[in-house]
N, C-alpha and C. Protein backbone atom coordinates (compact mmCIF):
# COMPACT_ATOMS: atom_id res chain seq x y z
N GLU A 1 55.91 -99.87 172.21
CA GLU A 1 56.51 -101.00 172.91
C GLU A 1 56.86 -100.67 174.36
N PRO A 2 57.42 -99.49 174.64
CA PRO A 2 57.67 -99.16 176.05
C PRO A 2 56.39 -99.14 176.88
N VAL A 3 55.28 -98.64 176.30
CA VAL A 3 54.00 -98.60 177.02
C VAL A 3 53.51 -100.02 177.29
N ALA A 4 53.58 -100.89 176.28
CA ALA A 4 53.15 -102.28 176.46
C ALA A 4 53.98 -102.96 177.54
N ASN A 5 55.28 -102.70 177.55
CA ASN A 5 56.16 -103.30 178.55
C ASN A 5 55.78 -102.83 179.95
N LYS A 6 55.45 -101.55 180.09
CA LYS A 6 55.03 -101.03 181.40
C LYS A 6 53.74 -101.68 181.86
N ILE A 7 52.81 -101.90 180.93
CA ILE A 7 51.54 -102.55 181.28
C ILE A 7 51.79 -103.98 181.76
N VAL A 8 52.63 -104.70 181.03
CA VAL A 8 52.94 -106.09 181.41
C VAL A 8 53.55 -106.13 182.81
N GLN A 9 54.48 -105.23 183.07
CA GLN A 9 55.14 -105.23 184.38
C GLN A 9 54.18 -104.82 185.49
N ALA A 10 53.30 -103.85 185.21
CA ALA A 10 52.35 -103.40 186.23
C ALA A 10 51.36 -104.50 186.59
N VAL A 11 50.86 -105.20 185.58
CA VAL A 11 49.89 -106.27 185.82
C VAL A 11 50.52 -107.43 186.56
N ALA A 12 51.82 -107.65 186.36
CA ALA A 12 52.51 -108.79 186.95
C ALA A 12 52.77 -108.63 188.45
N GLN A 13 52.54 -107.43 188.99
CA GLN A 13 52.79 -107.23 190.42
C GLN A 13 51.84 -108.09 191.25
N PRO A 14 52.35 -108.78 192.27
CA PRO A 14 51.48 -109.62 193.12
C PRO A 14 50.39 -108.80 193.80
N ILE A 15 49.21 -109.41 193.94
CA ILE A 15 48.07 -108.75 194.56
C ILE A 15 47.77 -109.46 195.88
N ALA A 16 47.86 -108.70 196.98
CA ALA A 16 47.61 -109.28 198.31
C ALA A 16 46.12 -109.46 198.52
N LEU A 17 45.74 -110.66 198.96
CA LEU A 17 44.35 -110.99 199.25
C LEU A 17 44.19 -111.30 200.73
N PRO A 18 42.96 -111.37 201.23
CA PRO A 18 42.74 -111.71 202.64
C PRO A 18 43.37 -113.06 203.00
N GLN A 19 43.67 -113.23 204.28
CA GLN A 19 44.22 -114.46 204.82
C GLN A 19 45.57 -114.80 204.20
N SER A 20 46.37 -113.76 203.94
CA SER A 20 47.74 -113.90 203.45
C SER A 20 47.85 -114.54 202.07
N ALA A 21 46.74 -114.62 201.36
CA ALA A 21 46.79 -115.18 200.01
C ALA A 21 47.34 -114.13 199.04
N VAL A 22 47.95 -114.61 197.97
CA VAL A 22 48.52 -113.74 196.96
C VAL A 22 48.04 -114.18 195.58
N CYS A 23 47.64 -113.22 194.79
CA CYS A 23 47.19 -113.51 193.43
C CYS A 23 48.18 -112.91 192.45
N GLU A 24 48.54 -113.70 191.44
CA GLU A 24 49.44 -113.22 190.39
C GLU A 24 48.79 -113.46 189.04
N VAL A 25 48.76 -112.44 188.21
CA VAL A 25 48.19 -112.55 186.88
C VAL A 25 49.20 -112.07 185.86
N GLY A 26 48.94 -112.42 184.61
CA GLY A 26 49.84 -111.98 183.54
C GLY A 26 49.04 -111.44 182.38
N ALA A 27 49.63 -110.54 181.63
CA ALA A 27 48.97 -109.94 180.48
C ALA A 27 49.57 -110.46 179.19
N SER A 28 48.72 -110.76 178.22
CA SER A 28 49.16 -111.12 176.87
C SER A 28 48.64 -110.04 175.94
N ILE A 29 49.54 -109.28 175.34
CA ILE A 29 49.16 -108.11 174.56
C ILE A 29 49.51 -108.30 173.10
N GLY A 30 48.57 -107.95 172.23
CA GLY A 30 48.83 -107.94 170.79
C GLY A 30 48.68 -106.52 170.28
N ILE A 31 49.56 -106.11 169.39
CA ILE A 31 49.57 -104.73 168.92
C ILE A 31 49.49 -104.68 167.40
N GLY A 32 48.49 -103.97 166.88
CA GLY A 32 48.38 -103.69 165.45
C GLY A 32 48.59 -102.20 165.23
N ILE A 33 49.25 -101.84 164.16
CA ILE A 33 49.61 -100.45 163.90
C ILE A 33 48.87 -99.92 162.68
N TYR A 34 48.27 -98.73 162.84
CA TYR A 34 47.63 -98.04 161.72
C TYR A 34 48.67 -97.18 161.02
N PRO A 35 48.76 -97.15 159.70
CA PRO A 35 47.92 -97.89 158.73
C PRO A 35 48.59 -99.17 158.23
N ASP A 36 49.73 -99.54 158.82
CA ASP A 36 50.50 -100.69 158.31
C ASP A 36 49.71 -101.99 158.34
N ASN A 37 48.89 -102.18 159.39
CA ASN A 37 48.18 -103.44 159.57
C ASN A 37 46.69 -103.34 159.36
N GLY A 38 46.22 -102.20 158.85
CA GLY A 38 44.80 -102.04 158.58
C GLY A 38 44.41 -100.58 158.63
N THR A 39 43.35 -100.26 157.92
CA THR A 39 42.85 -98.88 157.92
C THR A 39 41.44 -98.78 158.47
N GLU A 40 40.84 -99.91 158.87
CA GLU A 40 39.53 -99.91 159.52
C GLU A 40 39.67 -100.53 160.89
N MET A 41 38.75 -100.16 161.78
CA MET A 41 38.84 -100.62 163.16
C MET A 41 38.84 -102.14 163.26
N ASP A 42 37.93 -102.80 162.53
CA ASP A 42 37.84 -104.25 162.67
C ASP A 42 39.08 -104.95 162.11
N THR A 43 39.69 -104.37 161.05
CA THR A 43 40.92 -104.95 160.50
C THR A 43 42.06 -104.85 161.49
N LEU A 44 42.17 -103.69 162.14
CA LEU A 44 43.22 -103.50 163.14
C LEU A 44 43.01 -104.42 164.34
N LEU A 45 41.76 -104.54 164.77
CA LEU A 45 41.48 -105.42 165.91
C LEU A 45 41.80 -106.87 165.58
N ALA A 46 41.49 -107.31 164.36
CA ALA A 46 41.79 -108.68 163.95
C ALA A 46 43.30 -108.91 163.94
N ALA A 47 44.06 -107.92 163.45
CA ALA A 47 45.51 -108.05 163.42
C ALA A 47 46.07 -108.12 164.84
N ALA A 48 45.58 -107.24 165.72
CA ALA A 48 46.05 -107.23 167.10
C ALA A 48 45.66 -108.52 167.82
N ASP A 49 44.49 -109.07 167.47
CA ASP A 49 44.03 -110.31 168.09
C ASP A 49 44.96 -111.46 167.74
N ARG A 50 45.40 -111.52 166.47
CA ARG A 50 46.34 -112.56 166.07
C ARG A 50 47.65 -112.42 166.82
N ALA A 51 48.12 -111.19 166.97
CA ALA A 51 49.37 -110.96 167.70
C ALA A 51 49.21 -111.32 169.17
N MET A 52 48.03 -111.08 169.73
CA MET A 52 47.79 -111.41 171.13
C MET A 52 47.87 -112.91 171.36
N TYR A 53 47.33 -113.71 170.45
CA TYR A 53 47.41 -115.16 170.61
C TYR A 53 48.85 -115.66 170.45
N GLU A 54 49.63 -114.97 169.66
CA GLU A 54 51.05 -115.31 169.56
C GLU A 54 51.73 -115.05 170.91
N SER A 55 51.33 -113.97 171.58
CA SER A 55 51.86 -113.68 172.91
C SER A 55 51.48 -114.79 173.88
N LYS A 56 50.23 -115.25 173.81
CA LYS A 56 49.77 -116.30 174.71
C LYS A 56 50.58 -117.59 174.55
N GLN A 57 50.94 -117.88 173.31
CA GLN A 57 51.71 -119.10 173.07
C GLN A 57 53.08 -119.05 173.74
N GLY A 58 53.60 -117.85 173.96
CA GLY A 58 54.89 -117.70 174.63
C GLY A 58 54.77 -117.65 176.13
N GLY A 59 53.56 -117.82 176.66
CA GLY A 59 53.35 -117.71 178.10
C GLY A 59 52.93 -116.30 178.46
N ARG A 60 52.36 -116.16 179.65
CA ARG A 60 51.86 -114.85 180.05
C ARG A 60 53.01 -113.87 180.26
N GLY A 61 52.67 -112.60 180.21
CA GLY A 61 53.68 -111.59 180.44
C GLY A 61 54.46 -111.21 179.20
N HIS A 62 53.79 -111.22 178.03
CA HIS A 62 54.47 -110.88 176.78
C HIS A 62 53.61 -109.92 175.97
N TYR A 63 54.24 -109.18 175.10
CA TYR A 63 53.53 -108.39 174.10
C TYR A 63 54.13 -108.71 172.74
N THR A 64 53.31 -108.66 171.70
CA THR A 64 53.74 -108.99 170.35
C THR A 64 53.18 -107.98 169.37
N LEU A 65 54.02 -107.48 168.49
CA LEU A 65 53.57 -106.65 167.39
C LEU A 65 53.23 -107.53 166.20
N VAL A 66 52.29 -107.09 165.39
CA VAL A 66 51.94 -107.83 164.19
C VAL A 66 53.19 -107.96 163.33
N ARG A 67 53.45 -109.18 162.87
CA ARG A 67 54.65 -109.45 162.07
C ARG A 67 54.27 -109.85 160.66
N GLY A 68 55.27 -109.85 159.80
CA GLY A 68 55.06 -110.29 158.43
C GLY A 68 54.32 -109.25 157.62
N ALA A 69 53.70 -109.71 156.53
CA ALA A 69 53.00 -108.80 155.62
C ALA A 69 51.80 -108.18 156.33
N PRO A 70 51.47 -106.94 156.02
CA PRO A 70 50.30 -106.30 156.61
C PRO A 70 49.03 -107.08 156.28
N ALA A 71 48.05 -106.98 157.17
CA ALA A 71 46.75 -107.62 156.91
C ALA A 71 46.14 -106.99 155.68
N ALA A 72 45.38 -107.78 154.95
CA ALA A 72 44.72 -107.26 153.74
C ALA A 72 43.84 -106.08 154.10
N LEU A 73 43.99 -105.00 153.36
CA LEU A 73 43.21 -103.80 153.63
C LEU A 73 41.77 -104.04 153.22
N ASN A 74 40.89 -103.82 154.15
CA ASN A 74 39.48 -104.08 153.91
C ASN A 74 38.84 -102.83 153.32
N SER A 75 39.27 -102.48 152.11
CA SER A 75 38.80 -101.24 151.50
C SER A 75 37.89 -101.49 150.31
N GLY A 76 37.48 -102.72 150.13
CA GLY A 76 36.64 -103.06 148.99
C GLY A 76 35.25 -102.48 149.12
N PRO A 77 34.45 -102.65 148.08
CA PRO A 77 33.12 -102.04 148.07
C PRO A 77 32.17 -102.65 149.08
N ASP A 78 32.45 -103.85 149.57
CA ASP A 78 31.52 -104.53 150.46
C ASP A 78 32.05 -104.63 151.88
N TRP A 79 32.75 -103.61 152.35
CA TRP A 79 33.20 -103.62 153.75
C TRP A 79 31.99 -103.73 154.67
N ALA A 80 31.00 -102.86 154.46
CA ALA A 80 29.72 -102.99 155.15
C ALA A 80 28.83 -103.85 154.24
N HIS A 81 28.89 -105.15 154.43
CA HIS A 81 28.23 -106.07 153.51
C HIS A 81 26.75 -106.19 153.84
N PHE A 82 25.90 -105.97 152.84
CA PHE A 82 24.47 -106.18 152.98
C PHE A 82 24.08 -107.33 152.06
N GLY A 83 23.80 -108.49 152.66
CA GLY A 83 23.45 -109.67 151.88
C GLY A 83 22.03 -110.11 152.14
N THR A 84 21.69 -111.26 151.59
CA THR A 84 20.32 -111.77 151.75
C THR A 84 19.99 -112.02 153.22
N GLU A 85 21.02 -112.30 154.03
CA GLU A 85 20.77 -112.55 155.45
C GLU A 85 20.30 -111.29 156.19
N HIS A 86 20.49 -110.12 155.56
CA HIS A 86 20.06 -108.87 156.18
C HIS A 86 18.72 -108.38 155.65
N GLU A 87 18.17 -109.05 154.66
CA GLU A 87 16.90 -108.60 154.09
C GLU A 87 15.75 -108.83 155.08
N VAL A 88 14.83 -107.86 155.14
CA VAL A 88 13.70 -107.96 156.05
C VAL A 88 12.42 -108.37 155.33
N GLY A 89 12.47 -108.43 154.00
CA GLY A 89 11.31 -108.89 153.24
C GLY A 89 10.37 -107.80 152.80
N VAL A 90 10.75 -106.54 153.01
CA VAL A 90 9.96 -105.40 152.54
C VAL A 90 10.84 -104.64 151.55
N THR A 91 10.45 -104.63 150.29
CA THR A 91 11.31 -104.11 149.23
C THR A 91 11.78 -102.68 149.51
N GLN A 92 10.87 -101.82 149.92
CA GLN A 92 11.23 -100.42 150.15
C GLN A 92 12.31 -100.30 151.23
N ILE A 93 12.16 -101.04 152.33
CA ILE A 93 13.13 -100.98 153.42
C ILE A 93 14.45 -101.62 153.00
N ASP A 94 14.37 -102.77 152.33
CA ASP A 94 15.60 -103.44 151.90
C ASP A 94 16.40 -102.58 150.93
N ASP A 95 15.72 -101.93 150.00
CA ASP A 95 16.42 -101.06 149.04
C ASP A 95 17.11 -99.90 149.75
N GLN A 96 16.44 -99.34 150.75
CA GLN A 96 17.06 -98.25 151.49
C GLN A 96 18.23 -98.73 152.34
N HIS A 97 18.12 -99.92 152.90
CA HIS A 97 19.24 -100.49 153.65
C HIS A 97 20.45 -100.69 152.74
N ARG A 98 20.22 -101.18 151.53
CA ARG A 98 21.34 -101.37 150.59
C ARG A 98 22.00 -100.04 150.28
N HIS A 99 21.18 -99.00 150.11
CA HIS A 99 21.75 -97.68 149.81
C HIS A 99 22.54 -97.15 151.00
N LEU A 100 22.04 -97.38 152.22
CA LEU A 100 22.78 -96.97 153.41
C LEU A 100 24.13 -97.67 153.48
N ALA A 101 24.15 -98.98 153.21
CA ALA A 101 25.41 -99.73 153.22
C ALA A 101 26.36 -99.19 152.16
N ALA A 102 25.81 -98.84 150.99
CA ALA A 102 26.65 -98.28 149.92
C ALA A 102 27.26 -96.95 150.34
N LEU A 103 26.49 -96.12 151.06
CA LEU A 103 27.00 -94.85 151.53
C LEU A 103 28.09 -95.03 152.58
N VAL A 104 27.91 -96.01 153.46
CA VAL A 104 28.96 -96.32 154.45
C VAL A 104 30.23 -96.77 153.74
N ASN A 105 30.07 -97.62 152.74
CA ASN A 105 31.24 -98.09 151.98
C ASN A 105 31.92 -96.94 151.23
N GLN A 106 31.12 -96.02 150.72
CA GLN A 106 31.68 -94.86 150.02
C GLN A 106 32.51 -94.00 150.98
N LEU A 107 32.00 -93.80 152.18
CA LEU A 107 32.73 -93.03 153.19
C LEU A 107 34.00 -93.78 153.61
N ASN A 108 33.89 -95.09 153.74
CA ASN A 108 35.05 -95.91 154.10
C ASN A 108 36.15 -95.79 153.06
N ARG A 109 35.78 -95.85 151.78
CA ARG A 109 36.78 -95.74 150.72
C ARG A 109 37.45 -94.36 150.74
N ALA A 110 36.65 -93.32 151.03
CA ALA A 110 37.20 -91.97 151.08
C ALA A 110 38.22 -91.83 152.21
N VAL A 111 37.92 -92.45 153.37
CA VAL A 111 38.87 -92.43 154.48
C VAL A 111 40.14 -93.18 154.10
N HIS A 112 39.95 -94.36 153.47
CA HIS A 112 41.09 -95.18 153.06
C HIS A 112 41.97 -94.45 152.06
N ASP A 113 41.36 -93.66 151.17
CA ASP A 113 42.10 -92.92 150.14
C ASP A 113 42.62 -91.58 150.63
N ARG A 114 42.46 -91.33 151.93
CA ARG A 114 42.93 -90.08 152.55
C ARG A 114 42.30 -88.85 151.89
N ALA A 115 40.99 -88.89 151.70
CA ALA A 115 40.28 -87.75 151.11
C ALA A 115 40.38 -86.54 152.04
N ASP A 116 40.23 -85.35 151.47
CA ASP A 116 40.35 -84.14 152.27
C ASP A 116 39.15 -83.99 153.19
N LYS A 117 39.30 -83.11 154.17
CA LYS A 117 38.29 -82.92 155.22
C LYS A 117 36.94 -82.55 154.65
N ALA A 118 36.93 -81.64 153.67
CA ALA A 118 35.66 -81.19 153.09
C ALA A 118 34.90 -82.34 152.42
N SER A 119 35.64 -83.21 151.73
CA SER A 119 35.00 -84.35 151.06
C SER A 119 34.41 -85.32 152.07
N LEU A 120 35.14 -85.57 153.15
CA LEU A 120 34.65 -86.48 154.19
C LEU A 120 33.41 -85.91 154.85
N GLU A 121 33.41 -84.61 155.11
CA GLU A 121 32.24 -83.98 155.72
C GLU A 121 31.03 -84.06 154.81
N ALA A 122 31.24 -83.86 153.52
CA ALA A 122 30.12 -83.93 152.57
C ALA A 122 29.54 -85.34 152.52
N LEU A 123 30.40 -86.35 152.51
CA LEU A 123 29.93 -87.73 152.49
C LEU A 123 29.20 -88.08 153.78
N PHE A 124 29.72 -87.59 154.89
CA PHE A 124 29.08 -87.87 156.18
C PHE A 124 27.70 -87.22 156.24
N GLU A 125 27.58 -85.99 155.75
CA GLU A 125 26.29 -85.32 155.72
C GLU A 125 25.31 -86.07 154.82
N LYS A 126 25.81 -86.56 153.70
CA LYS A 126 24.97 -87.34 152.78
C LYS A 126 24.44 -88.58 153.47
N LEU A 127 25.30 -89.24 154.24
CA LEU A 127 24.91 -90.45 154.96
C LEU A 127 23.87 -90.14 156.03
N THR A 128 24.10 -89.09 156.81
CA THR A 128 23.15 -88.77 157.89
C THR A 128 21.82 -88.29 157.34
N ASP A 129 21.84 -87.54 156.24
CA ASP A 129 20.59 -87.08 155.64
C ASP A 129 19.76 -88.26 155.14
N TYR A 130 20.43 -89.22 154.50
CA TYR A 130 19.68 -90.37 153.98
C TYR A 130 19.20 -91.25 155.14
N THR A 131 19.97 -91.31 156.21
CA THR A 131 19.55 -92.08 157.38
C THR A 131 18.25 -91.50 157.95
N ALA A 132 18.19 -90.18 158.06
CA ALA A 132 16.97 -89.53 158.55
C ALA A 132 15.79 -89.81 157.62
N PHE A 133 16.04 -89.77 156.31
CA PHE A 133 14.99 -90.07 155.33
C PHE A 133 14.50 -91.52 155.50
N HIS A 134 15.43 -92.45 155.69
CA HIS A 134 15.07 -93.85 155.88
C HIS A 134 14.24 -94.04 157.14
N PHE A 135 14.65 -93.38 158.22
CA PHE A 135 13.90 -93.48 159.47
C PHE A 135 12.48 -92.96 159.30
N LYS A 136 12.32 -91.90 158.52
CA LYS A 136 10.97 -91.35 158.27
C LYS A 136 10.12 -92.36 157.51
N THR A 137 10.73 -93.09 156.57
CA THR A 137 10.01 -94.13 155.83
C THR A 137 9.48 -95.19 156.79
N GLU A 138 10.34 -95.67 157.68
CA GLU A 138 9.92 -96.69 158.64
C GLU A 138 8.87 -96.14 159.59
N GLN A 139 9.03 -94.89 160.02
CA GLN A 139 8.06 -94.29 160.92
C GLN A 139 6.68 -94.24 160.27
N ASP A 140 6.61 -93.85 159.01
CA ASP A 140 5.33 -93.78 158.30
C ASP A 140 4.67 -95.16 158.22
N LEU A 141 5.48 -96.19 157.95
CA LEU A 141 4.93 -97.55 157.87
C LEU A 141 4.44 -98.03 159.24
N MET A 142 5.19 -97.72 160.29
CA MET A 142 4.78 -98.14 161.63
C MET A 142 3.50 -97.45 162.06
N GLU A 143 3.36 -96.17 161.72
CA GLU A 143 2.13 -95.44 162.06
C GLU A 143 0.95 -95.95 161.24
N ARG A 144 1.19 -96.23 159.98
CA ARG A 144 0.12 -96.66 159.08
C ARG A 144 -0.48 -97.99 159.52
N PHE A 145 0.36 -98.90 160.02
CA PHE A 145 -0.12 -100.24 160.37
C PHE A 145 -0.11 -100.50 161.87
N ASN A 146 0.05 -99.44 162.68
CA ASN A 146 -0.01 -99.57 164.15
C ASN A 146 0.95 -100.64 164.68
N TYR A 147 2.21 -100.50 164.35
CA TYR A 147 3.22 -101.46 164.79
C TYR A 147 3.34 -101.39 166.31
N PRO A 148 3.18 -102.51 167.02
CA PRO A 148 3.17 -102.50 168.49
C PRO A 148 4.50 -102.07 169.13
N ARG A 149 5.60 -102.26 168.41
CA ARG A 149 6.91 -101.87 168.97
C ARG A 149 7.39 -100.52 168.41
N LYS A 150 6.45 -99.72 167.97
CA LYS A 150 6.79 -98.45 167.33
C LYS A 150 7.62 -97.55 168.25
N GLN A 151 7.24 -97.42 169.50
CA GLN A 151 7.93 -96.52 170.41
C GLN A 151 9.38 -96.94 170.63
N ALA A 152 9.60 -98.22 170.88
CA ALA A 152 10.96 -98.71 171.10
C ALA A 152 11.81 -98.57 169.84
N HIS A 153 11.19 -98.84 168.70
CA HIS A 153 11.91 -98.75 167.43
C HIS A 153 12.33 -97.30 167.15
N GLU A 154 11.43 -96.38 167.38
CA GLU A 154 11.74 -94.97 167.14
C GLU A 154 12.78 -94.46 168.14
N LEU A 155 12.81 -95.04 169.33
CA LEU A 155 13.82 -94.65 170.31
C LEU A 155 15.22 -95.02 169.81
N GLU A 156 15.33 -96.20 169.17
CA GLU A 156 16.60 -96.60 168.58
C GLU A 156 17.02 -95.61 167.49
N HIS A 157 16.08 -95.18 166.68
CA HIS A 157 16.36 -94.19 165.64
C HIS A 157 16.87 -92.88 166.26
N ALA A 158 16.20 -92.44 167.32
CA ALA A 158 16.57 -91.18 167.96
C ALA A 158 17.98 -91.24 168.53
N HIS A 159 18.35 -92.39 169.06
CA HIS A 159 19.69 -92.53 169.62
C HIS A 159 20.76 -92.33 168.55
N LEU A 160 20.57 -92.92 167.38
CA LEU A 160 21.59 -92.79 166.34
C LEU A 160 21.64 -91.36 165.82
N LEU A 161 20.50 -90.73 165.63
CA LEU A 161 20.50 -89.35 165.14
C LEU A 161 21.19 -88.43 166.14
N ALA A 162 20.99 -88.71 167.44
CA ALA A 162 21.67 -87.92 168.46
C ALA A 162 23.17 -88.17 168.44
N ASP A 163 23.55 -89.41 168.12
CA ASP A 163 24.97 -89.76 168.06
C ASP A 163 25.66 -89.15 166.84
N ALA A 164 24.88 -88.74 165.85
CA ALA A 164 25.47 -88.23 164.61
C ALA A 164 26.38 -87.04 164.87
N CYS A 165 25.96 -86.14 165.74
CA CYS A 165 26.79 -84.98 166.06
C CYS A 165 28.08 -85.41 166.74
N HIS A 166 27.97 -86.40 167.61
CA HIS A 166 29.16 -86.92 168.29
C HIS A 166 30.10 -87.57 167.29
N PHE A 167 29.54 -88.34 166.36
CA PHE A 167 30.36 -88.98 165.33
C PHE A 167 31.11 -87.94 164.50
N LYS A 168 30.41 -86.86 164.15
CA LYS A 168 31.03 -85.83 163.34
C LYS A 168 32.19 -85.18 164.08
N THR A 169 32.01 -84.95 165.37
CA THR A 169 33.09 -84.38 166.18
C THR A 169 34.28 -85.31 166.25
N ARG A 170 34.00 -86.61 166.39
CA ARG A 170 35.09 -87.59 166.46
C ARG A 170 35.88 -87.62 165.16
N MET A 171 35.20 -87.48 164.03
CA MET A 171 35.89 -87.46 162.75
C MET A 171 36.79 -86.24 162.64
N HIS A 172 36.34 -85.10 163.17
CA HIS A 172 37.16 -83.89 163.14
C HIS A 172 38.42 -84.07 163.98
N ARG A 173 38.35 -84.94 164.97
CA ARG A 173 39.50 -85.17 165.85
C ARG A 173 40.35 -86.34 165.40
N GLY A 174 40.09 -86.82 164.21
CA GLY A 174 40.88 -87.94 163.69
C GLY A 174 40.35 -89.31 164.05
N GLY A 175 39.10 -89.37 164.51
CA GLY A 175 38.53 -90.66 164.91
C GLY A 175 37.77 -91.34 163.80
N ASP A 176 38.27 -91.27 162.57
CA ASP A 176 37.55 -91.83 161.42
C ASP A 176 37.25 -93.30 161.60
N LEU A 177 38.23 -94.07 162.08
CA LEU A 177 38.07 -95.52 162.18
C LEU A 177 36.96 -95.88 163.16
N LEU A 178 36.94 -95.23 164.31
CA LEU A 178 35.93 -95.54 165.31
C LEU A 178 34.55 -95.15 164.82
N VAL A 179 34.45 -94.02 164.14
CA VAL A 179 33.16 -93.58 163.61
C VAL A 179 32.63 -94.58 162.59
N LEU A 180 33.48 -94.97 161.65
CA LEU A 180 33.07 -95.92 160.62
C LEU A 180 32.62 -97.25 161.23
N GLN A 181 33.42 -97.76 162.17
CA GLN A 181 33.08 -99.03 162.79
C GLN A 181 31.77 -98.92 163.57
N SER A 182 31.57 -97.80 164.26
CA SER A 182 30.35 -97.60 165.04
C SER A 182 29.12 -97.57 164.14
N ILE A 183 29.23 -96.84 163.03
CA ILE A 183 28.10 -96.75 162.10
C ILE A 183 27.80 -98.11 161.48
N LYS A 184 28.84 -98.80 161.05
CA LYS A 184 28.65 -100.12 160.44
C LYS A 184 28.00 -101.09 161.43
N ASP A 185 28.53 -101.16 162.65
CA ASP A 185 28.00 -102.08 163.65
C ASP A 185 26.55 -101.74 163.98
N TRP A 186 26.25 -100.45 164.12
CA TRP A 186 24.89 -100.05 164.47
C TRP A 186 23.93 -100.44 163.35
N LEU A 187 24.32 -100.15 162.11
CA LEU A 187 23.43 -100.43 160.98
C LEU A 187 23.07 -101.91 160.92
N LEU A 188 24.09 -102.77 160.93
CA LEU A 188 23.83 -104.20 160.79
C LEU A 188 23.13 -104.78 162.02
N GLN A 189 23.47 -104.28 163.21
CA GLN A 189 22.81 -104.77 164.42
C GLN A 189 21.36 -104.31 164.47
N HIS A 190 21.11 -103.08 164.06
CA HIS A 190 19.74 -102.56 164.07
C HIS A 190 18.86 -103.34 163.10
N ILE A 191 19.42 -103.69 161.94
CA ILE A 191 18.65 -104.48 160.98
C ILE A 191 18.25 -105.82 161.59
N THR A 192 19.20 -106.44 162.28
CA THR A 192 18.96 -107.77 162.85
C THR A 192 17.97 -107.72 164.00
N THR A 193 18.16 -106.77 164.92
CA THR A 193 17.37 -106.77 166.16
C THR A 193 16.04 -106.03 166.05
N GLU A 194 15.98 -105.00 165.20
CA GLU A 194 14.77 -104.17 165.16
C GLU A 194 14.02 -104.26 163.82
N ASP A 195 14.77 -104.20 162.71
CA ASP A 195 14.10 -104.13 161.41
C ASP A 195 13.55 -105.47 160.95
N LYS A 196 14.20 -106.56 161.32
CA LYS A 196 13.66 -107.87 160.91
C LYS A 196 12.30 -108.14 161.55
N PRO A 197 12.13 -107.89 162.86
CA PRO A 197 10.78 -108.05 163.43
C PRO A 197 9.76 -107.12 162.77
N LEU A 198 10.18 -105.90 162.43
CA LEU A 198 9.28 -104.98 161.73
C LEU A 198 8.89 -105.54 160.37
N GLY A 199 9.86 -106.10 159.66
CA GLY A 199 9.58 -106.70 158.36
C GLY A 199 8.59 -107.84 158.46
N GLU A 200 8.75 -108.69 159.48
CA GLU A 200 7.82 -109.80 159.66
C GLU A 200 6.40 -109.29 159.92
N PHE A 201 6.32 -108.21 160.68
CA PHE A 201 5.01 -107.63 160.99
C PHE A 201 4.35 -107.07 159.74
N LEU A 202 5.15 -106.44 158.88
CA LEU A 202 4.60 -105.77 157.71
C LEU A 202 4.25 -106.72 156.58
N LYS A 203 4.86 -107.91 156.57
CA LYS A 203 4.57 -108.86 155.50
C LYS A 203 3.08 -109.20 155.50
N GLY A 204 2.48 -109.19 154.34
CA GLY A 204 1.07 -109.48 154.22
C GLY A 204 0.18 -108.28 154.40
N LYS A 205 0.75 -107.18 154.96
CA LYS A 205 -0.04 -105.98 155.16
C LYS A 205 0.13 -105.01 154.00
N LEU A 206 1.14 -105.23 153.18
CA LEU A 206 1.37 -104.37 152.02
C LEU A 206 2.08 -105.16 150.95
N ASP A 207 2.13 -104.62 149.78
CA ASP A 207 2.79 -105.27 148.66
C ASP A 207 4.29 -105.12 148.85
N THR A 208 4.97 -106.19 149.35
CA THR A 208 6.38 -106.12 149.66
C THR A 208 7.24 -106.13 148.41
């Protein structure tokens, strides 16, 4: 709260502009607290977002902490939800995507249950190993059928594999929430932007 108050006061200082004009702005801050208001990044952000709009209702220059009962903990099996909207139409790829989502959810539950460091590392290694296996599956299909966007698609794969070491370091430093959210967002976004076009290309070229 003292930090939020300092931010509000700092932002409220008048800003001198050319021709003697003055600009004044105000900050509306919402604060969610781990683990009281959530144990995943998106849950905490949603809680803080609600508190921020409560601040806005009181006029600019306010901060609000999440009040009342804590937000529902998003620790269920489908935190990283893989539904029909994520299917690309190729059975082999869709099955592997479902398994990847299940592994992300397994790691999420372990973080939520405060599993020990060794257990979290083992689950993370399991996830990264299967991710590399999945990427090899897609690479083989792209090479087999001369997928025109093969180079760009493989570049996306390389970026995530390179990020894996960074993610592991962040987890060692207590950045579990950011790592989980980053992996979840990347997985679902990659399916939408890269894997769906690949699925459309592969349809009709093999027994899906």
